[in-house]
Amino acid sequence: MAKRIDRFEFRAGVDHYLKDCAKTGRDPQKPASGKLMLRIRPETHLAVRITLHAKGKSINQWVDEALSRAAAE
């Protein structure tokens, strides 16, 4: 079981990270929003939508799985 971190430990960790970024001249990373805008050909969009509808899966689910696999390579 993972150790539970209280809010004070979390805050101390964030403060340490921000101080380290300032000391080394790096910009702190911001959390990802989870939103990704894509522009694809309408024909591709339709083909994906039809295929995934038949499989009972949303485009968001499929893209999330595909990107997760690609990022793990």
PDB file of N, CA and C in Angstrom:
ATOM      1  N   MET A   1       0.844  -1.182   0.000  1.00  0.00           N
ATOM      2  CA  MET A   1       0.000   0.000   0.000  1.00  0.00           C
ATOM      3  C   MET A   1       0.891   1.247   0.000  1.00  0.00           C
ATOM      4  N   ALA A   2       0.531   2.220  -0.785  1.00  0.00           N
ATOM      5  CA  ALA A   2       1.318   3.456  -0.891  1.00  0.00           C
ATOM      6  C   ALA A   2       1.184   4.292   0.374  1.00  0.00           C
ATOM      7  N   LYS A   3       2.274   4.950   0.719  1.00  0.00           N
ATOM      8  CA  LYS A   3       2.258   5.831   1.889  1.00  0.00           C
ATOM      9  C   LYS A   3       1.406   7.047   1.593  1.00  0.00           C
ATOM     10  N   ARG A   4       0.574   7.402   2.531  1.00  0.00           N
ATOM     11  CA  ARG A   4      -0.264   8.587   2.391  1.00  0.00           C
ATOM     12  C   ARG A   4       0.562   9.818   2.767  1.00  0.00           C
ATOM     13  N   ILE A   5       0.555  10.815   1.896  1.00  0.00           N
ATOM     14  CA  ILE A   5       1.295  12.048   2.142  1.00  0.00           C
ATOM     15  C   ILE A   5       0.310  13.113   2.605  1.00  0.00           C
ATOM     16  N   ASP A   6       0.613  13.720   3.756  1.00  0.00           N
ATOM     17  CA  ASP A   6      -0.296  14.756   4.224  1.00  0.00           C
ATOM     18  C   ASP A   6      -0.047  16.055   3.457  1.00  0.00           C
ATOM     19  N   ARG A   7      -0.935  17.001   3.609  1.00  0.00           N
ATOM     20  CA  ARG A   7      -0.857  18.238   2.824  1.00  0.00           C
ATOM     21  C   ARG A   7       0.390  19.050   3.128  1.00  0.00           C
ATOM     22  N   PHE A   8       0.922  18.927   4.338  1.00  0.00           N
ATOM     23  CA  PHE A   8       2.134  19.671   4.686  1.00  0.00           C
ATOM     24  C   PHE A   8       3.353  19.090   3.968  1.00  0.00           C
ATOM     25  N   GLU A   9       3.425  17.747   3.910  1.00  0.00           N
ATOM     26  CA  GLU A   9       4.510  17.102   3.166  1.00  0.00           C
ATOM     27  C   GLU A   9       4.414  17.434   1.680  1.00  0.00           C
ATOM     28  N   PHE A  10       3.194  17.423   1.164  1.00  0.00           N
ATOM     29  CA  PHE A  10       2.984  17.752  -0.241  1.00  0.00           C
ATOM     30  C   PHE A  10       3.441  19.173  -0.526  1.00  0.00           C
ATOM     31  N   ARG A  11       3.018  20.092   0.320  1.00  0.00           N
ATOM     32  CA  ARG A  11       3.387  21.504   0.143  1.00  0.00           C
ATOM     33  C   ARG A  11       4.905  21.691   0.223  1.00  0.00           C
ATOM     34  N   ALA A  12       5.545  20.989   1.161  1.00  0.00           N
ATOM     35  CA  ALA A  12       7.001  21.076   1.297  1.00  0.00           C
ATOM     36  C   ALA A  12       7.690  20.553   0.039  1.00  0.00           C
ATOM     37  N   GLY A  13       7.145  19.487  -0.532  1.00  0.00           N
ATOM     38  CA  GLY A  13       7.706  18.937  -1.759  1.00  0.00           C
ATOM     39  C   GLY A  13       7.578  19.907  -2.929  1.00  0.00           C
ATOM     40  N   VAL A  14       6.424  20.539  -3.029  1.00  0.00           N
ATOM     41  CA  VAL A  14       6.205  21.526  -4.101  1.00  0.00           C
ATOM     42  C   VAL A  14       7.128  22.725  -3.905  1.00  0.00           C
ATOM     43  N   ASP A  15       7.239  23.197  -2.664  1.00  0.00           N
ATOM     44  CA  ASP A  15       8.127  24.335  -2.382  1.00  0.00           C
ATOM     45  C   ASP A  15       9.573  23.996  -2.749  1.00  0.00           C
ATOM     46  N   HIS A  16      10.007  22.784  -2.394  1.00  0.00           N
ATOM     47  CA  HIS A  16      11.372  22.352  -2.723  1.00  0.00           C
ATOM     48  C   HIS A  16      11.570  22.335  -4.246  1.00  0.00           C
ATOM     49  N   TYR A  17      10.582  21.784  -4.962  1.00  0.00           N
ATOM     50  CA  TYR A  17      10.658  21.726  -6.429  1.00  0.00           C
ATOM     51  C   TYR A  17      10.767  23.133  -7.025  1.00  0.00           C
ATOM     52  N   LEU A  18       9.939  24.050  -6.554  1.00  0.00           N
ATOM     53  CA  LEU A  18       9.958  25.412  -7.090  1.00  0.00           C
ATOM     54  C   LEU A  18      11.273  26.129  -6.781  1.00  0.00           C
ATOM     55  N   LYS A  19      11.807  25.925  -5.589  1.00  0.00           N
ATOM     56  CA  LYS A  19      13.095  26.520  -5.238  1.00  0.00           C
ATOM     57  C   LYS A  19      14.216  25.949  -6.104  1.00  0.00           C
ATOM     58  N   ASP A  20      14.171  24.651  -6.337  1.00  0.00           N
ATOM     59  CA  ASP A  20      15.185  24.010  -7.179  1.00  0.00           C
ATOM     60  C   ASP A  20      15.104  24.541  -8.610  1.00  0.00           C
ATOM     61  N   CYS A  21      13.893  24.711  -9.123  1.00  0.00           N
ATOM     62  CA  CYS A  21      13.723  25.267 -10.475  1.00  0.00           C
ATOM     63  C   CYS A  21      14.312  26.670 -10.549  1.00  0.00           C
ATOM     64  N   ALA A  22      14.028  27.489  -9.544  1.00  0.00           N
ATOM     65  CA  ALA A  22      14.550  28.861  -9.524  1.00  0.00           C
ATOM     66  C   ALA A  22      16.075  28.861  -9.447  1.00  0.00           C
ATOM     67  N   LYS A  23      16.620  27.958  -8.628  1.00  0.00           N
ATOM     68  CA  LYS A  23      18.072  27.881  -8.446  1.00  0.00           C
ATOM     69  C   LYS A  23      18.787  27.435  -9.718  1.00  0.00           C
ATOM     70  N   THR A  24      18.163  26.530 -10.473  1.00  0.00           N
ATOM     71  CA  THR A  24      18.802  25.991 -11.680  1.00  0.00           C
ATOM     72  C   THR A  24      18.366  26.707 -12.954  1.00  0.00           C
ATOM     73  N   GLY A  25      17.492  27.709 -12.820  1.00  0.00           N
ATOM     74  CA  GLY A  25      17.061  28.483 -13.983  1.00  0.00           C
ATOM     75  C   GLY A  25      16.085  27.768 -14.903  1.00  0.00           C
ATOM     76  N   ARG A  26      15.377  26.779 -14.365  1.00  0.00           N
ATOM     77  CA  ARG A  26      14.378  26.049 -15.159  1.00  0.00           C
ATOM     78  C   ARG A  26      12.976  26.561 -14.854  1.00  0.00           C
ATOM     79  N   ASP A  27      12.122  26.530 -15.858  1.00  0.00           N
ATOM     80  CA  ASP A  27      10.714  26.845 -15.634  1.00  0.00           C
ATOM     81  C   ASP A  27      10.030  25.618 -15.047  1.00  0.00           C
ATOM     82  N   PRO A  28       9.205  25.784 -14.008  1.00  0.00           N
ATOM     83  CA  PRO A  28       8.477  24.639 -13.454  1.00  0.00           C
ATOM     84  C   PRO A  28       7.507  24.079 -14.491  1.00  0.00           C
ATOM     85  N   GLN A  29       7.365  22.766 -14.493  1.00  0.00           N
ATOM     86  CA  GLN A  29       6.396  22.140 -15.380  1.00  0.00           C
ATOM     87  C   GLN A  29       4.997  22.373 -14.841  1.00  0.00           C
ATOM     88  N   LYS A  30       4.085  22.639 -15.736  1.00  0.00           N
ATOM     89  CA  LYS A  30       2.695  22.820 -15.342  1.00  0.00           C
ATOM     90  C   LYS A  30       1.957  21.516 -15.623  1.00  0.00           C
ATOM     91  N   PRO A  31       0.927  21.210 -14.828  1.00  0.00           N
ATOM     92  CA  PRO A  31       0.184  19.984 -15.084  1.00  0.00           C
ATOM     93  C   PRO A  31      -0.525  20.042 -16.432  1.00  0.00           C
ATOM     94  N   ALA A  32      -0.647  18.895 -17.070  1.00  0.00           N
ATOM     95  CA  ALA A  32      -1.369  18.813 -18.340  1.00  0.00           C
ATOM     96  C   ALA A  32      -2.865  18.948 -18.072  1.00  0.00           C
ATOM     97  N   SER A  33      -3.576  19.584 -18.981  1.00  0.00           N
ATOM     98  CA  SER A  33      -5.013  19.818 -18.791  1.00  0.00           C
ATOM     99  C   SER A  33      -5.849  18.581 -19.105  1.00  0.00           C
ATOM    100  N   GLY A  34      -5.296  17.680 -19.905  1.00  0.00           N
ATOM    101  CA  GLY A  34      -6.069  16.516 -20.325  1.00  0.00           C
ATOM    102  C   GLY A  34      -6.864  16.787 -21.595  1.00  0.00           C
ATOM    103  N   LYS A  35      -6.702  17.976 -22.143  1.00  0.00           N
ATOM    104  CA  LYS A  35      -7.390  18.329 -23.387  1.00  0.00           C
ATOM    105  C   LYS A  35      -6.366  18.367 -24.504  1.00  0.00           C
ATOM    106  N   LEU A  36      -6.723  17.793 -25.643  1.00  0.00           N
ATOM    107  CA  LEU A  36      -5.833  17.746 -26.788  1.00  0.00           C
ATOM    108  C   LEU A  36      -6.665  17.989 -28.045  1.00  0.00           C
ATOM    109  N   MET A  37      -6.387  19.063 -28.734  1.00  0.00           N
ATOM    110  CA  MET A  37      -7.128  19.402 -29.950  1.00  0.00           C
ATOM    111  C   MET A  37      -6.389  18.795 -31.147  1.00  0.00           C
ATOM    112  N   LEU A  38      -7.097  18.030 -31.927  1.00  0.00           N
ATOM    113  CA  LEU A  38      -6.515  17.423 -33.122  1.00  0.00           C
ATOM    114  C   LEU A  38      -7.270  17.884 -34.358  1.00  0.00           C
ATOM    115  N   ARG A  39      -6.541  18.025 -35.446  1.00  0.00           N
ATOM    116  CA  ARG A  39      -7.170  18.297 -36.736  1.00  0.00           C
ATOM    117  C   ARG A  39      -6.805  17.151 -37.655  1.00  0.00           C
ATOM    118  N   ILE A  40      -7.827  16.431 -38.088  1.00  0.00           N
ATOM    119  CA  ILE A  40      -7.617  15.304 -38.999  1.00  0.00           C
ATOM    120  C   ILE A  40      -8.577  15.430 -40.168  1.00  0.00           C
ATOM    121  N   ARG A  41      -8.297  14.672 -41.204  1.00  0.00           N
ATOM    122  CA  ARG A  41      -9.175  14.722 -42.374  1.00  0.00           C
ATOM    123  C   ARG A  41     -10.567  14.202 -42.007  1.00  0.00           C
ATOM    124  N   PRO A  42     -11.624  14.811 -42.540  1.00  0.00           N
ATOM    125  CA  PRO A  42     -12.983  14.365 -42.239  1.00  0.00           C
ATOM    126  C   PRO A  42     -13.203  12.887 -42.551  1.00  0.00           C
ATOM    127  N   GLU A  43     -12.572  12.386 -43.615  1.00  0.00           N
ATOM    128  CA  GLU A  43     -12.730  10.971 -43.986  1.00  0.00           C
ATOM    129  C   GLU A  43     -12.165  10.061 -42.890  1.00  0.00           C
ATOM    130  N   THR A  44     -11.033  10.470 -42.336  1.00  0.00           N
ATOM    131  CA  THR A  44     -10.419   9.694 -41.262  1.00  0.00           C
ATOM    132  C   THR A  44     -11.307   9.723 -40.028  1.00  0.00           C
ATOM    133  N   HIS A  45     -11.816  10.895 -39.697  1.00  0.00           N
ATOM    134  CA  HIS A  45     -12.695  11.056 -38.538  1.00  0.00           C
ATOM    135  C   HIS A  45     -13.914  10.136 -38.672  1.00  0.00           C
ATOM    136  N   LEU A  46     -14.530  10.133 -39.834  1.00  0.00           N
ATOM    137  CA  LEU A  46     -15.712   9.304 -40.061  1.00  0.00           C
ATOM    138  C   LEU A  46     -15.374   7.825 -39.949  1.00  0.00           C
ATOM    139  N   ALA A  47     -14.273   7.410 -40.552  1.00  0.00           N
ATOM    140  CA  ALA A  47     -13.884   5.998 -40.506  1.00  0.00           C
ATOM    141  C   ALA A  47     -13.611   5.549 -39.065  1.00  0.00           C
ATOM    142  N   VAL A  48     -12.935   6.385 -38.310  1.00  0.00           N
ATOM    143  CA  VAL A  48     -12.650   6.059 -36.910  1.00  0.00           C
ATOM    144  C   VAL A  48     -13.948   5.989 -36.116  1.00  0.00           C
ATOM    145  N   ARG A  49     -14.814   6.967 -36.317  1.00  0.00           N
ATOM    146  CA  ARG A  49     -16.085   6.993 -35.588  1.00  0.00           C
ATOM    147  C   ARG A  49     -16.914   5.745 -35.873  1.00  0.00           C
ATOM    148  N   ILE A  50     -17.018   5.352 -37.131  1.00  0.00           N
ATOM    149  CA  ILE A  50     -17.805   4.164 -37.503  1.00  0.00           C
ATOM    150  C   ILE A  50     -17.195   2.900 -36.894  1.00  0.00           C
ATOM    151  N   THR A  51     -15.884   2.767 -37.026  1.00  0.00           N
ATOM    152  CA  THR A  51     -15.197   1.580 -36.508  1.00  0.00           C
ATOM    153  C   THR A  51     -15.354   1.462 -34.998  1.00  0.00           C
ATOM    154  N   LEU A  52     -15.140   2.562 -34.292  1.00  0.00           N
ATOM    155  CA  LEU A  52     -15.206   2.512 -32.836  1.00  0.00           C
ATOM    156  C   LEU A  52     -16.636   2.362 -32.321  1.00  0.00           C
ATOM    157  N   HIS A  53     -17.598   2.928 -33.033  1.00  0.00           N
ATOM    158  CA  HIS A  53     -18.993   2.754 -32.641  1.00  0.00           C
ATOM    159  C   HIS A  53     -19.352   1.270 -32.671  1.00  0.00           C
ATOM    160  N   ALA A  54     -18.883   0.569 -33.702  1.00  0.00           N
ATOM    161  CA  ALA A  54     -19.153  -0.864 -33.823  1.00  0.00           C
ATOM    162  C   ALA A  54     -18.498  -1.658 -32.690  1.00  0.00           C
ATOM    163  N   LYS A  55     -17.415  -1.134 -32.154  1.00  0.00           N
ATOM    164  CA  LYS A  55     -16.702  -1.801 -31.056  1.00  0.00           C
ATOM    165  C   LYS A  55     -17.186  -1.332 -29.684  1.00  0.00           C
ATOM    166  N   GLY A  56     -18.117  -0.359 -29.666  1.00  0.00           N
ATOM    167  CA  GLY A  56     -18.639   0.151 -28.403  1.00  0.00           C
ATOM    168  C   GLY A  56     -17.635   0.987 -27.629  1.00  0.00           C
ATOM    169  N   LYS A  57     -16.760   1.671 -28.355  1.00  0.00           N
ATOM    170  CA  LYS A  57     -15.710   2.460 -27.724  1.00  0.00           C
ATOM    171  C   LYS A  57     -15.774   3.883 -28.250  1.00  0.00           C
ATOM    172  N   SER A  58     -15.459   4.845 -27.374  1.00  0.00           N
ATOM    173  CA  SER A  58     -15.451   6.242 -27.814  1.00  0.00           C
ATOM    174  C   SER A  58     -14.107   6.586 -28.447  1.00  0.00           C
ATOM    175  N   ILE A  59     -14.106   7.644 -29.232  1.00  0.00           N
ATOM    176  CA  ILE A  59     -12.855   8.121 -29.827  1.00  0.00           C
ATOM    177  C   ILE A  59     -11.893   8.533 -28.715  1.00  0.00           C
ATOM    178  N   ASN A  60     -12.393   9.180 -27.674  1.00  0.00           N
ATOM    179  CA  ASN A  60     -11.533   9.589 -26.564  1.00  0.00           C
ATOM    180  C   ASN A  60     -10.859   8.383 -25.910  1.00  0.00           C
ATOM    181  N   GLN A  61     -11.618   7.329 -25.657  1.00  0.00           N
ATOM    182  CA  GLN A  61     -11.034   6.121 -25.062  1.00  0.00           C
ATOM    183  C   GLN A  61      -9.942   5.552 -25.964  1.00  0.00           C
ATOM    184  N   TRP A  62     -10.245   5.456 -27.242  1.00  0.00           N
ATOM    185  CA  TRP A  62      -9.310   4.867 -28.194  1.00  0.00           C
ATOM    186  C   TRP A  62      -8.028   5.691 -28.303  1.00  0.00           C
ATOM    187  N   VAL A  63      -8.173   7.006 -28.414  1.00  0.00           N
ATOM    188  CA  VAL A  63      -6.997   7.875 -28.529  1.00  0.00           C
ATOM    189  C   VAL A  63      -6.174   7.805 -27.244  1.00  0.00           C
ATOM    190  N   ASP A  64      -6.832   7.816 -26.086  1.00  0.00           N
ATOM    191  CA  ASP A  64      -6.119   7.726 -24.814  1.00  0.00           C
ATOM    192  C   ASP A  64      -5.295   6.435 -24.755  1.00  0.00           C
ATOM    193  N   GLU A  65      -5.890   5.319 -25.137  1.00  0.00           N
ATOM    194  CA  GLU A  65      -5.176   4.040 -25.133  1.00  0.00           C
ATOM    195  C   GLU A  65      -4.021   4.036 -26.124  1.00  0.00           C
ATOM    196  N   ALA A  66      -4.267   4.561 -27.330  1.00  0.00           N
ATOM    197  CA  ALA A  66      -3.222   4.571 -28.367  1.00  0.00           C
ATOM    198  C   ALA A  66      -2.065   5.459 -27.946  1.00  0.00           C
ATOM    199  N   LEU A  67      -2.343   6.630 -27.399  1.00  0.00           N
ATOM    200  CA  LEU A  67      -1.278   7.529 -26.971  1.00  0.00           C
ATOM    201  C   LEU A  67      -0.522   6.985 -25.769  1.00  0.00           C
ATOM    202  N   SER A  68      -1.224   6.309 -24.872  1.00  0.00           N
ATOM    203  CA  SER A  68      -0.556   5.696 -23.722  1.00  0.00           C
ATOM    204  C   SER A  68       0.416   4.621 -24.168  1.00  0.00           C
ATOM    205  N   ARG A  69      -0.022   3.792 -25.138  1.00  0.00           N
ATOM    206  CA  ARG A  69       0.882   2.750 -25.669  1.00  0.00           C
ATOM    207  C   ARG A  69       2.086   3.382 -26.352  1.00  0.00           C
ATOM    208  N   ALA A  70       1.856   4.409 -27.163  1.00  0.00           N
ATOM    209  CA  ALA A  70       2.946   5.059 -27.889  1.00  0.00           C
ATOM    210  C   ALA A  70       3.926   5.733 -26.928  1.00  0.00           C
ATOM    211  N   ALA A  71       3.427   6.331 -25.868  1.00  0.00           N
ATOM    212  CA  ALA A  71       4.295   7.013 -24.908  1.00  0.00           C
ATOM    213  C   ALA A  71       5.144   6.020 -24.114  1.00  0.00           C
ATOM    214  N   ALA A  72       4.665   4.799 -23.977  1.00  0.00           N
ATOM    215  CA  ALA A  72       5.395   3.779 -23.219  1.00  0.00           C
ATOM    216  C   ALA A  72       6.512   3.132 -24.024  1.00  0.00           C
ATOM    217  N   GLU A  73       6.540   3.362 -25.324  1.00  0.00           N
ATOM    218  CA  GLU A  73       7.573   2.748 -26.180  1.00  0.00           C
ATOM    219  C   GLU A  73       8.918   3.368 -25.965  1.00  0.00           C
TER     220      GLU A  73
END
